[in-house]
Amino acid sequence: YTVETKGRAELDLPRKMARLSQWCMDATQAEQGRVRYDFVFVDED
């Protein structure tokens, strides 16, 4: 898991999380079932 934490709002956050989601899917596919990648976004509130 890639864990992303935030304490404040960022304009770039939706784009960053969409890219991270895609990266996790691509990396998992490249591993051909050997490793699964995922992410968690944790906001402070």
ModelCIF file with pLDDT and N, C-alpha, C, O atoms, coordinates in Angstrom:
data_MODEL
#
_entry.id   MODEL 
#
_entity.id                         1 
_entity.type                       polymer 
_entity.pdbx_number_of_molecules   1 
#
_entity_poly.entity_id                      1 
_entity_poly.type                           'polypeptide(L)' 
_entity_poly.nstd_linkage                   no 
_entity_poly.nstd_monomer                   no 
_entity_poly.pdbx_seq_one_letter_code       YTVETKGRAELDLPRKMARLSQWCMDATQAEQGRVRYDFVFVDED 
_entity_poly.pdbx_seq_one_letter_code_can   YTVETKGRAELDLPRKMARLSQWCMDATQAEQGRVRYDFVFVDED 
_entity_poly.pdbx_strand_id                 A 
#
loop_
_entity_poly_seq.entity_id 
_entity_poly_seq.num 
_entity_poly_seq.mon_id 
_entity_poly_seq.hetero 
1 1  TYR n 
1 2  THR n 
1 3  VAL n 
1 4  GLU n 
1 5  THR n 
1 6  LYS n 
1 7  GLY n 
1 8  ARG n 
1 9  ALA n 
1 10 GLU n 
1 11 LEU n 
1 12 ASP n 
1 13 LEU n 
1 14 PRO n 
1 15 ARG n 
1 16 LYS n 
1 17 MET n 
1 18 ALA n 
1 19 ARG n 
1 20 LEU n 
1 21 SER n 
1 22 GLN n 
1 23 TRP n 
1 24 CYS n 
1 25 MET n 
1 26 ASP n 
1 27 ALA n 
1 28 THR n 
1 29 GLN n 
1 30 ALA n 
1 31 GLU n 
1 32 GLN n 
1 33 GLY n 
1 34 ARG n 
1 35 VAL n 
1 36 ARG n 
1 37 TYR n 
1 38 ASP n 
1 39 PHE n 
1 40 VAL n 
1 41 PHE n 
1 42 VAL n 
1 43 ASP n 
1 44 GLU n 
1 45 ASP n 
#
_struct_asym.id          A 
_struct_asym.entity_id   1 
#
loop_
_ma_qa_metric.id 
_ma_qa_metric.mode 
_ma_qa_metric.name 
_ma_qa_metric.software_group_id 
_ma_qa_metric.type 
1 global pLDDT . pLDDT 
2 local  pLDDT . pLDDT 
#
_ma_qa_metric_global.metric_id      1 
_ma_qa_metric_global.metric_value   90.33 
_ma_qa_metric_global.model_id       1 
_ma_qa_metric_global.ordinal_id     1 
#
loop_
_ma_qa_metric_local.label_asym_id 
_ma_qa_metric_local.label_comp_id 
_ma_qa_metric_local.label_seq_id 
_ma_qa_metric_local.metric_id 
_ma_qa_metric_local.metric_value 
_ma_qa_metric_local.model_id 
_ma_qa_metric_local.ordinal_id 
A TYR 1  2 97.00 1 1  
A THR 2  2 95.00 1 2  
A VAL 3  2 95.00 1 3  
A GLU 4  2 92.00 1 4  
A THR 5  2 90.00 1 5  
A LYS 6  2 87.00 1 6  
A GLY 7  2 76.00 1 7  
A ARG 8  2 74.00 1 8  
A ALA 9  2 73.00 1 9  
A GLU 10 2 76.00 1 10 
A LEU 11 2 79.00 1 11 
A ASP 12 2 81.00 1 12 
A LEU 13 2 85.00 1 13 
A PRO 14 2 87.00 1 14 
A ARG 15 2 85.00 1 15 
A LYS 16 2 86.00 1 16 
A MET 17 2 90.00 1 17 
A ALA 18 2 91.00 1 18 
A ARG 19 2 89.00 1 19 
A LEU 20 2 91.00 1 20 
A SER 21 2 95.00 1 21 
A GLN 22 2 93.00 1 22 
A TRP 23 2 92.00 1 23 
A CYS 24 2 95.00 1 24 
A MET 25 2 95.00 1 25 
A ASP 26 2 94.00 1 26 
A ALA 27 2 94.00 1 27 
A THR 28 2 96.00 1 28 
A GLN 29 2 96.00 1 29 
A ALA 30 2 96.00 1 30 
A GLU 31 2 95.00 1 31 
A GLN 32 2 93.00 1 32 
A GLY 33 2 87.00 1 33 
A ARG 34 2 94.00 1 34 
A VAL 35 2 96.00 1 35 
A ARG 36 2 97.00 1 36 
A TYR 37 2 97.00 1 37 
A ASP 38 2 97.00 1 38 
A PHE 39 2 96.00 1 39 
A VAL 40 2 95.00 1 40 
A PHE 41 2 93.00 1 41 
A VAL 42 2 92.00 1 42 
A ASP 43 2 90.00 1 43 
A GLU 44 2 90.00 1 44 
A ASP 45 2 88.00 1 45 
#
loop_
_atom_site.group_PDB 
_atom_site.id 
_atom_site.type_symbol 
_atom_site.label_atom_id 
_atom_site.label_alt_id 
_atom_site.label_comp_id 
_atom_site.label_asym_id 
_atom_site.label_entity_id 
_atom_site.label_seq_id 
_atom_site.pdbx_PDB_ins_code 
_atom_site.Cartn_x 
_atom_site.Cartn_y 
_atom_site.Cartn_z 
_atom_site.occupancy 
_atom_site.B_iso_or_equiv 
_atom_site.pdbx_formal_charge 
_atom_site.auth_seq_id 
_atom_site.auth_comp_id 
_atom_site.auth_asym_id 
_atom_site.auth_atom_id 
_atom_site.pdbx_PDB_model_num 
ATOM 1   N N  . TYR A 1 1  ? 0.832   -1.196  0.000   1.00 97.00 ? 1  TYR A N  1 
ATOM 2   C CA . TYR A 1 1  ? 0.000   0.000   0.000   1.00 97.00 ? 1  TYR A CA 1 
ATOM 3   C C  . TYR A 1 1  ? 0.867   1.247   0.000   1.00 97.00 ? 1  TYR A C  1 
ATOM 4   O O  . TYR A 1 1  ? 1.848   1.337   0.739   1.00 97.00 ? 1  TYR A O  1 
ATOM 5   N N  . THR A 1 2  ? 0.500   2.194   -0.827  1.00 95.00 ? 2  THR A N  1 
ATOM 6   C CA . THR A 1 2  ? 1.046   3.538   -0.760  1.00 95.00 ? 2  THR A CA 1 
ATOM 7   C C  . THR A 1 2  ? 0.059   4.325   0.081   1.00 95.00 ? 2  THR A C  1 
ATOM 8   O O  . THR A 1 2  ? -1.125  4.393   -0.248  1.00 95.00 ? 2  THR A O  1 
ATOM 9   N N  . VAL A 1 3  ? 0.537   4.919   1.165   1.00 95.00 ? 3  VAL A N  1 
ATOM 10  C CA . VAL A 1 3  ? -0.329  5.669   2.063   1.00 95.00 ? 3  VAL A CA 1 
ATOM 11  C C  . VAL A 1 3  ? -0.019  7.148   1.900   1.00 95.00 ? 3  VAL A C  1 
ATOM 12  O O  . VAL A 1 3  ? 1.112   7.591   2.101   1.00 95.00 ? 3  VAL A O  1 
ATOM 13  N N  . GLU A 1 4  ? -1.029  7.888   1.537   1.00 92.00 ? 4  GLU A N  1 
ATOM 14  C CA . GLU A 1 4  ? -0.910  9.333   1.344   1.00 92.00 ? 4  GLU A CA 1 
ATOM 15  C C  . GLU A 1 4  ? -1.710  10.016  2.437   1.00 92.00 ? 4  GLU A C  1 
ATOM 16  O O  . GLU A 1 4  ? -2.903  9.758   2.595   1.00 92.00 ? 4  GLU A O  1 
ATOM 17  N N  . THR A 1 5  ? -1.054  10.891  3.195   1.00 90.00 ? 5  THR A N  1 
ATOM 18  C CA . THR A 1 5  ? -1.729  11.615  4.273   1.00 90.00 ? 5  THR A CA 1 
ATOM 19  C C  . THR A 1 5  ? -1.784  13.098  3.934   1.00 90.00 ? 5  THR A C  1 
ATOM 20  O O  . THR A 1 5  ? -0.871  13.646  3.317   1.00 90.00 ? 5  THR A O  1 
ATOM 21  N N  . LYS A 1 6  ? -2.876  13.735  4.353   1.00 87.00 ? 6  LYS A N  1 
ATOM 22  C CA . LYS A 1 6  ? -3.021  15.173  4.107   1.00 87.00 ? 6  LYS A CA 1 
ATOM 23  C C  . LYS A 1 6  ? -3.663  15.835  5.305   1.00 87.00 ? 6  LYS A C  1 
ATOM 24  O O  . LYS A 1 6  ? -4.603  15.307  5.901   1.00 87.00 ? 6  LYS A O  1 
ATOM 25  N N  . GLY A 1 7  ? -3.148  16.985  5.643   1.00 76.00 ? 7  GLY A N  1 
ATOM 26  C CA . GLY A 1 7  ? -3.723  17.787  6.714   1.00 76.00 ? 7  GLY A CA 1 
ATOM 27  C C  . GLY A 1 7  ? -4.450  19.003  6.184   1.00 76.00 ? 7  GLY A C  1 
ATOM 28  O O  . GLY A 1 7  ? -5.136  19.698  6.934   1.00 76.00 ? 7  GLY A O  1 
ATOM 29  N N  . ARG A 1 8  ? -4.304  19.263  4.895   1.00 74.00 ? 8  ARG A N  1 
ATOM 30  C CA . ARG A 1 8  ? -4.951  20.440  4.302   1.00 74.00 ? 8  ARG A CA 1 
ATOM 31  C C  . ARG A 1 8  ? -5.383  20.103  2.881   1.00 74.00 ? 8  ARG A C  1 
ATOM 32  O O  . ARG A 1 8  ? -4.905  19.142  2.278   1.00 74.00 ? 8  ARG A O  1 
ATOM 33  N N  . ALA A 1 9  ? -6.287  20.907  2.368   1.00 73.00 ? 9  ALA A N  1 
ATOM 34  C CA . ALA A 1 9  ? -6.783  20.687  1.003   1.00 73.00 ? 9  ALA A CA 1 
ATOM 35  C C  . ALA A 1 9  ? -5.736  21.139  -0.012  1.00 73.00 ? 9  ALA A C  1 
ATOM 36  O O  . ALA A 1 9  ? -5.023  22.116  0.215   1.00 73.00 ? 9  ALA A O  1 
ATOM 37  N N  . GLU A 1 10 ? -5.650  20.432  -1.116  1.00 76.00 ? 10 GLU A N  1 
ATOM 38  C CA . GLU A 1 10 ? -4.742  20.787  -2.205  1.00 76.00 ? 10 GLU A CA 1 
ATOM 39  C C  . GLU A 1 10 ? -5.515  20.754  -3.513  1.00 76.00 ? 10 GLU A C  1 
ATOM 40  O O  . GLU A 1 10 ? -6.325  19.853  -3.732  1.00 76.00 ? 10 GLU A O  1 
ATOM 41  N N  . LEU A 1 11 ? -5.277  21.714  -4.373  1.00 79.00 ? 11 LEU A N  1 
ATOM 42  C CA . LEU A 1 11 ? -5.939  21.728  -5.683  1.00 79.00 ? 11 LEU A CA 1 
ATOM 43  C C  . LEU A 1 11 ? -5.549  20.515  -6.516  1.00 79.00 ? 11 LEU A C  1 
ATOM 44  O O  . LEU A 1 11 ? -6.361  20.011  -7.292  1.00 79.00 ? 11 LEU A O  1 
ATOM 45  N N  . ASP A 1 12 ? -4.329  20.047  -6.367  1.00 81.00 ? 12 ASP A N  1 
ATOM 46  C CA . ASP A 1 12 ? -3.807  18.952  -7.179  1.00 81.00 ? 12 ASP A CA 1 
ATOM 47  C C  . ASP A 1 12 ? -4.216  17.568  -6.680  1.00 81.00 ? 12 ASP A C  1 
ATOM 48  O O  . ASP A 1 12 ? -3.949  16.569  -7.349  1.00 81.00 ? 12 ASP A O  1 
ATOM 49  N N  . LEU A 1 13 ? -4.849  17.495  -5.532  1.00 85.00 ? 13 LEU A N  1 
ATOM 50  C CA . LEU A 1 13 ? -5.106  16.204  -4.902  1.00 85.00 ? 13 LEU A CA 1 
ATOM 51  C C  . LEU A 1 13 ? -5.938  15.243  -5.751  1.00 85.00 ? 13 LEU A C  1 
ATOM 52  O O  . LEU A 1 13 ? -5.534  14.088  -5.890  1.00 85.00 ? 13 LEU A O  1 
ATOM 53  N N  . PRO A 1 14 ? -7.071  15.644  -6.326  1.00 87.00 ? 14 PRO A N  1 
ATOM 54  C CA . PRO A 1 14 ? -7.826  14.681  -7.145  1.00 87.00 ? 14 PRO A CA 1 
ATOM 55  C C  . PRO A 1 14 ? -7.007  14.116  -8.301  1.00 87.00 ? 14 PRO A C  1 
ATOM 56  O O  . PRO A 1 14 ? -7.089  12.923  -8.592  1.00 87.00 ? 14 PRO A O  1 
ATOM 57  N N  . ARG A 1 15 ? -6.234  14.946  -8.951  1.00 85.00 ? 15 ARG A N  1 
ATOM 58  C CA . ARG A 1 15 ? -5.393  14.491  -10.057 1.00 85.00 ? 15 ARG A CA 1 
ATOM 59  C C  . ARG A 1 15 ? -4.298  13.550  -9.550  1.00 85.00 ? 15 ARG A C  1 
ATOM 60  O O  . ARG A 1 15 ? -4.015  12.528  -10.176 1.00 85.00 ? 15 ARG A O  1 
ATOM 61  N N  . LYS A 1 16 ? -3.687  13.894  -8.422  1.00 86.00 ? 16 LYS A N  1 
ATOM 62  C CA . LYS A 1 16 ? -2.634  13.065  -7.847  1.00 86.00 ? 16 LYS A CA 1 
ATOM 63  C C  . LYS A 1 16 ? -3.174  11.681  -7.469  1.00 86.00 ? 16 LYS A C  1 
ATOM 64  O O  . LYS A 1 16 ? -2.520  10.669  -7.719  1.00 86.00 ? 16 LYS A O  1 
ATOM 65  N N  . MET A 1 17 ? -4.358  11.642  -6.871  1.00 90.00 ? 17 MET A N  1 
ATOM 66  C CA . MET A 1 17 ? -4.940  10.367  -6.455  1.00 90.00 ? 17 MET A CA 1 
ATOM 67  C C  . MET A 1 17 ? -5.386  9.532   -7.664  1.00 90.00 ? 17 MET A C  1 
ATOM 68  O O  . MET A 1 17 ? -5.273  8.306   -7.644  1.00 90.00 ? 17 MET A O  1 
ATOM 69  N N  . ALA A 1 18 ? -5.887  10.185  -8.704  1.00 91.00 ? 18 ALA A N  1 
ATOM 70  C CA . ALA A 1 18 ? -6.255  9.457   -9.926  1.00 91.00 ? 18 ALA A CA 1 
ATOM 71  C C  . ALA A 1 18 ? -5.009  8.828   -10.546 1.00 91.00 ? 18 ALA A C  1 
ATOM 72  O O  . ALA A 1 18 ? -5.054  7.688   -11.009 1.00 91.00 ? 18 ALA A O  1 
ATOM 73  N N  . ARG A 1 19 ? -3.922  9.550   -10.557 1.00 89.00 ? 19 ARG A N  1 
ATOM 74  C CA . ARG A 1 19 ? -2.671  9.021   -11.122 1.00 89.00 ? 19 ARG A CA 1 
ATOM 75  C C  . ARG A 1 19 ? -2.116  7.889   -10.258 1.00 89.00 ? 19 ARG A C  1 
ATOM 76  O O  . ARG A 1 19 ? -1.614  6.893   -10.780 1.00 89.00 ? 19 ARG A O  1 
ATOM 77  N N  . LEU A 1 20 ? -2.209  8.044   -8.943  1.00 91.00 ? 20 LEU A N  1 
ATOM 78  C CA . LEU A 1 20 ? -1.743  6.992   -8.044  1.00 91.00 ? 20 LEU A CA 1 
ATOM 79  C C  . LEU A 1 20 ? -2.578  5.727   -8.224  1.00 91.00 ? 20 LEU A C  1 
ATOM 80  O O  . LEU A 1 20 ? -2.035  4.622   -8.222  1.00 91.00 ? 20 LEU A O  1 
ATOM 81  N N  . SER A 1 21 ? -3.871  5.877   -8.377  1.00 95.00 ? 21 SER A N  1 
ATOM 82  C CA . SER A 1 21 ? -4.746  4.736   -8.615  1.00 95.00 ? 21 SER A CA 1 
ATOM 83  C C  . SER A 1 21 ? -4.348  4.006   -9.896  1.00 95.00 ? 21 SER A C  1 
ATOM 84  O O  . SER A 1 21 ? -4.265  2.778   -9.924  1.00 95.00 ? 21 SER A O  1 
ATOM 85  N N  . GLN A 1 22 ? -4.106  4.774   -10.945 1.00 93.00 ? 22 GLN A N  1 
ATOM 86  C CA . GLN A 1 22 ? -3.691  4.176   -12.215 1.00 93.00 ? 22 GLN A CA 1 
ATOM 87  C C  . GLN A 1 22 ? -2.337  3.492   -12.086 1.00 93.00 ? 22 GLN A C  1 
ATOM 88  O O  . GLN A 1 22 ? -2.134  2.403   -12.623 1.00 93.00 ? 22 GLN A O  1 
ATOM 89  N N  . TRP A 1 23 ? -1.416  4.127   -11.378 1.00 92.00 ? 23 TRP A N  1 
ATOM 90  C CA . TRP A 1 23 ? -0.099  3.519   -11.177 1.00 92.00 ? 23 TRP A CA 1 
ATOM 91  C C  . TRP A 1 23 ? -0.225  2.183   -10.459 1.00 92.00 ? 23 TRP A C  1 
ATOM 92  O O  . TRP A 1 23 ? 0.435   1.214   -10.834 1.00 92.00 ? 23 TRP A O  1 
ATOM 93  N N  . CYS A 1 24 ? -1.073  2.121   -9.424  1.00 95.00 ? 24 CYS A N  1 
ATOM 94  C CA . CYS A 1 24 ? -1.263  0.863   -8.684  1.00 95.00 ? 24 CYS A CA 1 
ATOM 95  C C  . CYS A 1 24 ? -1.794  -0.228  -9.597  1.00 95.00 ? 24 CYS A C  1 
ATOM 96  O O  . CYS A 1 24 ? -1.337  -1.369  -9.527  1.00 95.00 ? 24 CYS A O  1 
ATOM 97  N N  . MET A 1 25 ? -2.751  0.105   -10.449 1.00 95.00 ? 25 MET A N  1 
ATOM 98  C CA . MET A 1 25 ? -3.288  -0.881  -11.394 1.00 95.00 ? 25 MET A CA 1 
ATOM 99  C C  . MET A 1 25 ? -2.215  -1.346  -12.369 1.00 95.00 ? 25 MET A C  1 
ATOM 100 O O  . MET A 1 25 ? -2.078  -2.541  -12.626 1.00 95.00 ? 25 MET A O  1 
ATOM 101 N N  . ASP A 1 26 ? -1.452  -0.392  -12.912 1.00 94.00 ? 26 ASP A N  1 
ATOM 102 C CA . ASP A 1 26 ? -0.394  -0.726  -13.872 1.00 94.00 ? 26 ASP A CA 1 
ATOM 103 C C  . ASP A 1 26 ? 0.706   -1.567  -13.226 1.00 94.00 ? 26 ASP A C  1 
ATOM 104 O O  . ASP A 1 26 ? 1.167   -2.547  -13.812 1.00 94.00 ? 26 ASP A O  1 
ATOM 105 N N  . ALA A 1 27 ? 1.126   -1.187  -12.019 1.00 94.00 ? 27 ALA A N  1 
ATOM 106 C CA . ALA A 1 27 ? 2.192   -1.921  -11.327 1.00 94.00 ? 27 ALA A CA 1 
ATOM 107 C C  . ALA A 1 27 ? 1.734   -3.334  -10.982 1.00 94.00 ? 27 ALA A C  1 
ATOM 108 O O  . ALA A 1 27 ? 2.508   -4.283  -11.106 1.00 94.00 ? 27 ALA A O  1 
ATOM 109 N N  . THR A 1 28 ? 0.488   -3.480  -10.551 1.00 96.00 ? 28 THR A N  1 
ATOM 110 C CA . THR A 1 28 ? -0.058  -4.800  -10.235 1.00 96.00 ? 28 THR A CA 1 
ATOM 111 C C  . THR A 1 28 ? -0.085  -5.666  -11.485 1.00 96.00 ? 28 THR A C  1 
ATOM 112 O O  . THR A 1 28 ? 0.290   -6.838  -11.441 1.00 96.00 ? 28 THR A O  1 
ATOM 113 N N  . GLN A 1 29 ? -0.520  -5.099  -12.582 1.00 96.00 ? 29 GLN A N  1 
ATOM 114 C CA . GLN A 1 29 ? -0.572  -5.851  -13.843 1.00 96.00 ? 29 GLN A CA 1 
ATOM 115 C C  . GLN A 1 29 ? 0.838   -6.258  -14.282 1.00 96.00 ? 29 GLN A C  1 
ATOM 116 O O  . GLN A 1 29 ? 1.047   -7.376  -14.752 1.00 96.00 ? 29 GLN A O  1 
ATOM 117 N N  . ALA A 1 30 ? 1.785   -5.361  -14.130 1.00 96.00 ? 30 ALA A N  1 
ATOM 118 C CA . ALA A 1 30 ? 3.163   -5.663  -14.530 1.00 96.00 ? 30 ALA A CA 1 
ATOM 119 C C  . ALA A 1 30 ? 3.758   -6.793  -13.692 1.00 96.00 ? 30 ALA A C  1 
ATOM 120 O O  . ALA A 1 30 ? 4.623   -7.527  -14.170 1.00 96.00 ? 30 ALA A O  1 
ATOM 121 N N  . GLU A 1 31 ? 3.309   -6.936  -12.462 1.00 95.00 ? 31 GLU A N  1 
ATOM 122 C CA . GLU A 1 31 ? 3.806   -7.996  -11.573 1.00 95.00 ? 31 GLU A CA 1 
ATOM 123 C C  . GLU A 1 31 ? 3.188   -9.356  -11.885 1.00 95.00 ? 31 GLU A C  1 
ATOM 124 O O  . GLU A 1 31 ? 3.603   -10.369 -11.321 1.00 95.00 ? 31 GLU A O  1 
ATOM 125 N N  . GLN A 1 32 ? 2.203   -9.386  -12.775 1.00 93.00 ? 32 GLN A N  1 
ATOM 126 C CA . GLN A 1 32 ? 1.565   -10.634 -13.222 1.00 93.00 ? 32 GLN A CA 1 
ATOM 127 C C  . GLN A 1 32 ? 1.123   -11.524 -12.069 1.00 93.00 ? 32 GLN A C  1 
ATOM 128 O O  . GLN A 1 32 ? 1.370   -12.730 -12.055 1.00 93.00 ? 32 GLN A O  1 
ATOM 129 N N  . GLY A 1 33 ? 0.451   -10.885 -11.088 1.00 87.00 ? 33 GLY A N  1 
ATOM 130 C CA . GLY A 1 33 ? -0.103  -11.650 -9.986  1.00 87.00 ? 33 GLY A CA 1 
ATOM 131 C C  . GLY A 1 33 ? 0.839   -11.922 -8.827  1.00 87.00 ? 33 GLY A C  1 
ATOM 132 O O  . GLY A 1 33 ? 0.414   -12.471 -7.810  1.00 87.00 ? 33 GLY A O  1 
ATOM 133 N N  . ARG A 1 34 ? 2.100   -11.554 -8.954  1.00 94.00 ? 34 ARG A N  1 
ATOM 134 C CA . ARG A 1 34 ? 3.057   -11.816 -7.867  1.00 94.00 ? 34 ARG A CA 1 
ATOM 135 C C  . ARG A 1 34 ? 2.907   -10.817 -6.721  1.00 94.00 ? 34 ARG A C  1 
ATOM 136 O O  . ARG A 1 34 ? 3.048   -11.183 -5.554  1.00 94.00 ? 34 ARG A O  1 
ATOM 137 N N  . VAL A 1 35 ? 2.625   -9.566  -7.048  1.00 96.00 ? 35 VAL A N  1 
ATOM 138 C CA . VAL A 1 35 ? 2.476   -8.511  -6.046  1.00 96.00 ? 35 VAL A CA 1 
ATOM 139 C C  . VAL A 1 35 ? 1.272   -7.659  -6.431  1.00 96.00 ? 35 VAL A C  1 
ATOM 140 O O  . VAL A 1 35 ? 1.057   -7.355  -7.604  1.00 96.00 ? 35 VAL A O  1 
ATOM 141 N N  . ARG A 1 36 ? 0.496   -7.283  -5.425  1.00 97.00 ? 36 ARG A N  1 
ATOM 142 C CA . ARG A 1 36 ? -0.633  -6.384  -5.643  1.00 97.00 ? 36 ARG A CA 1 
ATOM 143 C C  . ARG A 1 36 ? -0.309  -5.038  -5.003  1.00 97.00 ? 36 ARG A C  1 
ATOM 144 O O  . ARG A 1 36 ? 0.150   -4.975  -3.862  1.00 97.00 ? 36 ARG A O  1 
ATOM 145 N N  . TYR A 1 37 ? -0.551  -3.969  -5.747  1.00 97.00 ? 37 TYR A N  1 
ATOM 146 C CA . TYR A 1 37 ? -0.331  -2.615  -5.245  1.00 97.00 ? 37 TYR A CA 1 
ATOM 147 C C  . TYR A 1 37 ? -1.679  -1.933  -5.063  1.00 97.00 ? 37 TYR A C  1 
ATOM 148 O O  . TYR A 1 37 ? -2.594  -2.116  -5.867  1.00 97.00 ? 37 TYR A O  1 
ATOM 149 N N  . ASP A 1 38 ? -1.792  -1.150  -4.004  1.00 97.00 ? 38 ASP A N  1 
ATOM 150 C CA . ASP A 1 38 ? -3.011  -0.399  -3.728  1.00 97.00 ? 38 ASP A CA 1 
ATOM 151 C C  . ASP A 1 38 ? -2.605  0.878   -2.990  1.00 97.00 ? 38 ASP A C  1 
ATOM 152 O O  . ASP A 1 38 ? -1.431  1.078   -2.678  1.00 97.00 ? 38 ASP A O  1 
ATOM 153 N N  . PHE A 1 39 ? -3.572  1.722   -2.721  1.00 96.00 ? 39 PHE A N  1 
ATOM 154 C CA . PHE A 1 39 ? -3.261  2.952   -1.996  1.00 96.00 ? 39 PHE A CA 1 
ATOM 155 C C  . PHE A 1 39 ? -4.369  3.273   -1.009  1.00 96.00 ? 39 PHE A C  1 
ATOM 156 O O  . PHE A 1 39 ? -5.492  2.782   -1.122  1.00 96.00 ? 39 PHE A O  1 
ATOM 157 N N  . VAL A 1 40 ? -4.024  4.108   -0.041  1.00 95.00 ? 40 VAL A N  1 
ATOM 158 C CA . VAL A 1 40 ? -4.968  4.620   0.938   1.00 95.00 ? 40 VAL A CA 1 
ATOM 159 C C  . VAL A 1 40 ? -4.701  6.111   1.078   1.00 95.00 ? 40 VAL A C  1 
ATOM 160 O O  . VAL A 1 40 ? -3.563  6.537   1.275   1.00 95.00 ? 40 VAL A O  1 
ATOM 161 N N  . PHE A 1 41 ? -5.765  6.894   0.975   1.00 93.00 ? 41 PHE A N  1 
ATOM 162 C CA . PHE A 1 41 ? -5.675  8.327   1.215   1.00 93.00 ? 41 PHE A CA 1 
ATOM 163 C C  . PHE A 1 41 ? -6.262  8.606   2.592   1.00 93.00 ? 41 PHE A C  1 
ATOM 164 O O  . PHE A 1 41 ? -7.413  8.255   2.851   1.00 93.00 ? 41 PHE A O  1 
ATOM 165 N N  . VAL A 1 42 ? -5.492  9.230   3.477   1.00 92.00 ? 42 VAL A N  1 
ATOM 166 C CA . VAL A 1 42 ? -5.922  9.514   4.845   1.00 92.00 ? 42 VAL A CA 1 
ATOM 167 C C  . VAL A 1 42 ? -5.873  11.014  5.071   1.00 92.00 ? 42 VAL A C  1 
ATOM 168 O O  . VAL A 1 42 ? -4.805  11.627  5.073   1.00 92.00 ? 42 VAL A O  1 
ATOM 169 N N  . ASP A 1 43 ? -7.064  11.596  5.263   1.00 90.00 ? 43 ASP A N  1 
ATOM 170 C CA . ASP A 1 43 ? -7.084  13.029  5.574   1.00 90.00 ? 43 ASP A CA 1 
ATOM 171 C C  . ASP A 1 43 ? -7.178  13.202  7.093   1.00 90.00 ? 43 ASP A C  1 
ATOM 172 O O  . ASP A 1 43 ? -7.770  12.378  7.789   1.00 90.00 ? 43 ASP A O  1 
ATOM 173 N N  . GLU A 1 44 ? -6.596  14.264  7.578   1.00 90.00 ? 44 GLU A N  1 
ATOM 174 C CA . GLU A 1 44 ? -6.470  14.486  9.017   1.00 90.00 ? 44 GLU A CA 1 
ATOM 175 C C  . GLU A 1 44 ? -7.823  14.558  9.725   1.00 90.00 ? 44 GLU A C  1 
ATOM 176 O O  . GLU A 1 44 ? -7.993  13.949  10.781  1.00 90.00 ? 44 GLU A O  1 
ATOM 177 N N  . ASP A 1 45 ? -8.774  15.283  9.171   1.00 88.00 ? 45 ASP A N  1 
ATOM 178 C CA . ASP A 1 45 ? -10.074 15.432  9.835   1.00 88.00 ? 45 ASP A CA 1 
ATOM 179 C C  . ASP A 1 45 ? -10.769 14.088  10.018  1.00 88.00 ? 45 ASP A C  1 
ATOM 180 O O  . ASP A 1 45 ? -11.873 14.032  10.560  1.00 88.00 ? 45 ASP A O  1 
#
